[in-house]
Amino acid sequence: MLKAVLLDDEKMGSDLLQKKLALQPRINVVKVFNDPMVALKEIDDIDFDILFLDVEMPNLNGFKFLETLG
């Protein structure tokens, strides 16, 4: 089973994606973030396989977020 993390600044978007992923038996959502700055602080402590990432977010877009991680 794949452990997934979701990051979307819009709660409605992350809620919808989480509901859709719940229908997939091979994916388990372990954490949902709606603030990229909070995600940056906490993501290193999470064991996950895949990140579903919004590209257009205020303060830190998805590409900058990935650069900061790596």
Protein backbone atom coordinates (compact mmCIF):
# COMPACT_ATOMS: atom_id res chain seq x y z
CA MET A 1 0.00 0.00 0.00
CA LEU A 2 1.24 3.47 -0.91
CA LYS A 3 1.31 6.06 1.86
CA ALA A 4 0.32 9.47 0.50
CA VAL A 5 0.67 13.05 1.66
CA LEU A 6 -1.53 15.78 0.19
CA LEU A 7 -0.60 19.45 -0.01
CA ASP A 8 -3.15 21.92 -1.35
CA ASP A 9 -3.74 25.43 -0.03
CA GLU A 10 -7.45 25.09 -0.80
CA LYS A 11 -9.16 22.88 1.79
CA MET A 12 -11.98 22.01 -0.61
CA GLY A 13 -9.42 20.71 -3.12
CA SER A 14 -7.56 18.58 -0.58
CA ASP A 15 -10.86 17.25 0.83
CA LEU A 16 -12.06 16.23 -2.63
CA LEU A 17 -8.77 14.55 -3.50
CA GLN A 18 -8.74 12.73 -0.17
CA LYS A 19 -12.25 11.39 -0.84
CA LYS A 20 -11.27 10.21 -4.31
CA LEU A 21 -8.11 8.54 -3.03
CA ALA A 22 -10.12 6.77 -0.31
CA LEU A 23 -11.74 4.80 -3.13
CA GLN A 24 -8.32 3.46 -4.17
CA PRO A 25 -7.49 0.38 -2.09
CA ARG A 26 -3.74 0.71 -2.70
CA ILE A 27 -3.42 4.30 -1.43
CA ASN A 28 -3.61 5.41 2.19
CA VAL A 29 -3.57 9.16 2.89
CA VAL A 30 -1.41 9.59 6.00
CA LYS A 31 -1.36 13.42 6.18
CA VAL A 32 -3.08 16.40 4.59
CA PHE A 33 -1.56 19.88 4.59
CA ASN A 34 -3.28 23.11 3.59
CA ASP A 35 -0.32 25.37 4.30
CA PRO A 36 3.02 24.81 2.53
CA MET A 37 4.98 26.43 5.35
CA VAL A 38 3.54 24.02 7.91
CA ALA A 39 4.20 21.15 5.50
CA LEU A 40 7.86 22.17 5.22
CA LYS A 41 8.24 22.03 9.00
CA GLU A 42 6.53 18.66 9.44
CA ILE A 43 7.05 16.62 6.28
CA ASP A 44 10.48 15.25 7.24
CA ASP A 45 8.87 13.45 10.18
CA ILE A 46 6.32 11.62 8.00
CA ASP A 47 6.90 8.25 6.37
CA PHE A 48 5.28 8.45 2.92
CA ASP A 49 5.70 7.14 -0.61
CA ILE A 50 3.94 9.72 -2.76
CA LEU A 51 3.19 13.45 -2.52
CA PHE A 52 0.15 14.98 -4.22
CA LEU A 53 1.16 18.60 -4.57
CA ASP A 54 -0.70 21.71 -5.68
CA VAL A 55 1.41 23.87 -7.99
CA GLU A 56 -0.19 27.28 -7.47
CA MET A 57 -0.12 28.23 -3.79
CA PRO A 58 0.49 31.57 -2.09
CA ASN A 59 3.84 32.22 -0.38
CA LEU A 60 5.47 29.06 -1.77
CA ASN A 61 4.41 27.43 -5.03
CA GLY A 62 4.71 23.68 -5.58
CA PHE A 63 7.98 23.87 -7.51
CA LYS A 64 9.66 26.01 -4.85
CA PHE A 65 8.35 23.61 -2.23
CA LEU A 66 10.06 20.68 -3.98
CA GLU A 67 13.30 22.65 -4.35
CA THR A 68 13.26 23.38 -0.63
CA LEU A 69 12.79 19.68 0.16
CA GLY A 70 15.57 18.46 -2.03
